[in-house]
Amino acid sequence: MVAKFKKGDRVTVLSGKDKGKTGEVLKVLPSKIRAVVQGINLYKRHTPPSQAGPGGIVEKEASIHLSNLSHLDPSDNKPARIGIKILDGGRHVRYAKRSGEIIDL
């Protein structure tokens, strides 16, 4: 079975405070049905100084539920649903249903 979202995919946010923003998937958490997206769902963490570095306020990305994300169509960068095709030789690939363009190569 091919996963719907993978690390490195370009996605857009469908709902929430970051609706309409786009980013790249940094990590997928399949057991929690969530993903971490670059620059999306930021929170501030107050860290004390340590030997590793100075303290301060650090912004990090929190995970977002996969139902709030949609792939970007590679042809025109608009949200698209994803399907799975089986190529000759039995290889599974993801494709954008909007344009038919293959995402995995």
C-alpha atoms as a PDB file:
ATOM      1  CA  MET A   1       0.000   0.000   0.000  1.00  0.00           C
ATOM      2  CA  VAL A   2       1.313   3.433  -0.954  1.00  0.00           C
ATOM      3  CA  ALA A   3       1.001   6.210   1.632  1.00  0.00           C
ATOM      4  CA  LYS A   4      -0.988   9.308   0.675  1.00  0.00           C
ATOM      5  CA  PHE A   5       1.455  11.814   2.190  1.00  0.00           C
ATOM      6  CA  LYS A   6       5.225  11.415   2.231  1.00  0.00           C
ATOM      7  CA  LYS A   7       8.175  13.470   3.413  1.00  0.00           C
ATOM      8  CA  GLY A   8       8.994  16.151   0.847  1.00  0.00           C
ATOM      9  CA  ASP A   9       5.453  16.490  -0.595  1.00  0.00           C
ATOM     10  CA  ARG A  10       4.168  20.010  -1.287  1.00  0.00           C
ATOM     11  CA  VAL A  11       0.832  20.531   0.484  1.00  0.00           C
ATOM     12  CA  THR A  12      -1.669  23.282   1.225  1.00  0.00           C
ATOM     13  CA  VAL A  13      -3.727  23.748   4.405  1.00  0.00           C
ATOM     14  CA  LEU A  14      -7.507  23.429   3.955  1.00  0.00           C
ATOM     15  CA  SER A  15      -8.733  24.651   7.357  1.00  0.00           C
ATOM     16  CA  GLY A  16      -7.574  26.223  10.598  1.00  0.00           C
ATOM     17  CA  LYS A  17      -5.533  29.306  11.432  1.00  0.00           C
ATOM     18  CA  ASP A  18      -3.083  28.643   8.569  1.00  0.00           C
ATOM     19  CA  LYS A  19      -5.758  28.054   5.899  1.00  0.00           C
ATOM     20  CA  GLY A  20      -4.437  28.695   2.397  1.00  0.00           C
ATOM     21  CA  LYS A  21      -0.742  28.477   3.311  1.00  0.00           C
ATOM     22  CA  THR A  22       1.527  26.008   1.562  1.00  0.00           C
ATOM     23  CA  GLY A  23       4.586  24.127   2.745  1.00  0.00           C
ATOM     24  CA  GLU A  24       6.661  20.989   2.515  1.00  0.00           C
ATOM     25  CA  VAL A  25       5.991  17.903   4.631  1.00  0.00           C
ATOM     26  CA  LEU A  26       8.887  17.424   7.078  1.00  0.00           C
ATOM     27  CA  LYS A  27       7.604  14.345   8.889  1.00  0.00           C
ATOM     28  CA  VAL A  28       4.547  12.055   8.735  1.00  0.00           C
ATOM     29  CA  LEU A  29       3.173  10.456  11.913  1.00  0.00           C
ATOM     30  CA  PRO A  30       0.961   7.619  10.572  1.00  0.00           C
ATOM     31  CA  SER A  31      -0.022   6.253  13.984  1.00  0.00           C
ATOM     32  CA  LYS A  32      -1.451   9.654  14.970  1.00  0.00           C
ATOM     33  CA  ILE A  33      -2.768  10.488  11.451  1.00  0.00           C
ATOM     34  CA  ARG A  34      -0.791  13.745  11.518  1.00  0.00           C
ATOM     35  CA  ALA A  35       2.064  15.460   9.687  1.00  0.00           C
ATOM     36  CA  VAL A  36       4.573  18.215  10.429  1.00  0.00           C
ATOM     37  CA  VAL A  37       4.666  20.852   7.673  1.00  0.00           C
ATOM     38  CA  GLN A  38       7.375  23.490   7.283  1.00  0.00           C
ATOM     39  CA  GLY A  39       6.176  26.928   8.437  1.00  0.00           C
ATOM     40  CA  ILE A  40       2.668  25.719   9.358  1.00  0.00           C
ATOM     41  CA  ASN A  41       1.060  25.548  12.835  1.00  0.00           C
ATOM     42  CA  LEU A  42       3.926  27.299  14.618  1.00  0.00           C
ATOM     43  CA  TYR A  43       4.174  27.529  18.398  1.00  0.00           C
ATOM     44  CA  LYS A  44       6.660  29.297  20.660  1.00  0.00           C
ATOM     45  CA  ARG A  45       8.833  27.357  23.107  1.00  0.00           C
ATOM     46  CA  HIS A  46      10.637  29.186  25.910  1.00  0.00           C
ATOM     47  CA  THR A  47      13.964  27.418  26.417  1.00  0.00           C
ATOM     48  CA  PRO A  48      16.404  28.058  29.266  1.00  0.00           C
ATOM     49  CA  PRO A  49      20.101  28.610  28.547  1.00  0.00           C
ATOM     50  CA  SER A  50      22.264  25.479  28.550  1.00  0.00           C
ATOM     51  CA  GLN A  51      25.696  24.325  27.416  1.00  0.00           C
ATOM     52  CA  ALA A  52      24.193  23.493  24.031  1.00  0.00           C
ATOM     53  CA  GLY A  53      23.276  27.118  23.359  1.00  0.00           C
ATOM     54  CA  PRO A  54      21.699  30.298  24.620  1.00  0.00           C
ATOM     55  CA  GLY A  55      18.120  30.270  25.816  1.00  0.00           C
ATOM     56  CA  GLY A  56      15.299  32.267  24.344  1.00  0.00           C
ATOM     57  CA  ILE A  57      12.038  31.916  22.497  1.00  0.00           C
ATOM     58  CA  VAL A  58      12.168  29.322  19.725  1.00  0.00           C
ATOM     59  CA  GLU A  59       9.440  28.817  17.134  1.00  0.00           C
ATOM     60  CA  LYS A  60       8.706  25.222  16.119  1.00  0.00           C
ATOM     61  CA  GLU A  61       6.179  23.477  13.894  1.00  0.00           C
ATOM     62  CA  ALA A  62       3.464  21.438  15.577  1.00  0.00           C
ATOM     63  CA  SER A  63       1.772  18.535  13.795  1.00  0.00           C
ATOM     64  CA  ILE A  64      -1.439  19.033  11.841  1.00  0.00           C
ATOM     65  CA  HIS A  65      -4.132  16.454  11.082  1.00  0.00           C
ATOM     66  CA  LEU A  66      -3.925  14.901   7.618  1.00  0.00           C
ATOM     67  CA  SER A  67      -7.585  15.724   6.905  1.00  0.00           C
ATOM     68  CA  ASN A  68      -6.630  19.421   6.939  1.00  0.00           C
ATOM     69  CA  LEU A  69      -4.005  18.968   4.200  1.00  0.00           C
ATOM     70  CA  SER A  70      -4.232  18.583   0.433  1.00  0.00           C
ATOM     71  CA  HIS A  71      -1.533  17.845  -2.144  1.00  0.00           C
ATOM     72  CA  LEU A  72      -0.567  20.531  -4.629  1.00  0.00           C
ATOM     73  CA  ASP A  73      -0.976  19.555  -8.270  1.00  0.00           C
ATOM     74  CA  PRO A  74       2.526  19.544  -9.834  1.00  0.00           C
ATOM     75  CA  SER A  75       1.238  21.141 -13.055  1.00  0.00           C
ATOM     76  CA  ASP A  76      -0.434  24.291 -11.644  1.00  0.00           C
ATOM     77  CA  ASN A  77       0.134  24.334  -7.830  1.00  0.00           C
ATOM     78  CA  LYS A  78      -3.573  24.104  -6.977  1.00  0.00           C
ATOM     79  CA  PRO A  79      -5.045  21.621  -4.455  1.00  0.00           C
ATOM     80  CA  ALA A  80      -5.719  18.198  -5.956  1.00  0.00           C
ATOM     81  CA  ARG A  81      -6.929  14.825  -4.784  1.00  0.00           C
ATOM     82  CA  ILE A  82      -4.537  11.926  -5.102  1.00  0.00           C
ATOM     83  CA  GLY A  83      -5.086   8.527  -6.666  1.00  0.00           C
ATOM     84  CA  ILE A  84      -2.915   5.441  -7.041  1.00  0.00           C
ATOM     85  CA  LYS A  85      -2.053   3.863 -10.403  1.00  0.00           C
ATOM     86  CA  ILE A  86      -0.335   0.553 -11.056  1.00  0.00           C
ATOM     87  CA  LEU A  87       2.229   0.902 -13.832  1.00  0.00           C
ATOM     88  CA  ASP A  88       3.574  -1.862 -16.057  1.00  0.00           C
ATOM     89  CA  GLY A  89       5.688  -4.092 -13.887  1.00  0.00           C
ATOM     90  CA  GLY A  90       3.376  -3.748 -10.875  1.00  0.00           C
ATOM     91  CA  ARG A  91       4.844  -0.509  -9.488  1.00  0.00           C
ATOM     92  CA  HIS A  92       2.404   1.699  -7.525  1.00  0.00           C
ATOM     93  CA  VAL A  93       2.595   5.468  -8.096  1.00  0.00           C
ATOM     94  CA  ARG A  94       0.585   8.424  -6.845  1.00  0.00           C
ATOM     95  CA  TYR A  95      -1.001  10.787  -9.363  1.00  0.00           C
ATOM     96  CA  ALA A  96      -3.020  14.011  -9.217  1.00  0.00           C
ATOM     97  CA  LYS A  97      -6.627  13.294 -10.200  1.00  0.00           C
ATOM     98  CA  ARG A  98      -6.996  16.914 -11.367  1.00  0.00           C
ATOM     99  CA  SER A  99      -4.402  16.768 -14.154  1.00  0.00           C
ATOM    100  CA  GLY A 100      -3.426  13.081 -14.261  1.00  0.00           C
ATOM    101  CA  GLU A 101       0.235  13.991 -13.671  1.00  0.00           C
ATOM    102  CA  ILE A 102       2.316  11.444 -11.744  1.00  0.00           C
ATOM    103  CA  ILE A 103       3.762  12.639  -8.398  1.00  0.00           C
ATOM    104  CA  ASP A 104       6.148   9.738  -7.653  1.00  0.00           C
ATOM    105  CA  LEU A 105       8.855   8.927 -10.147  1.00  0.00           C
END
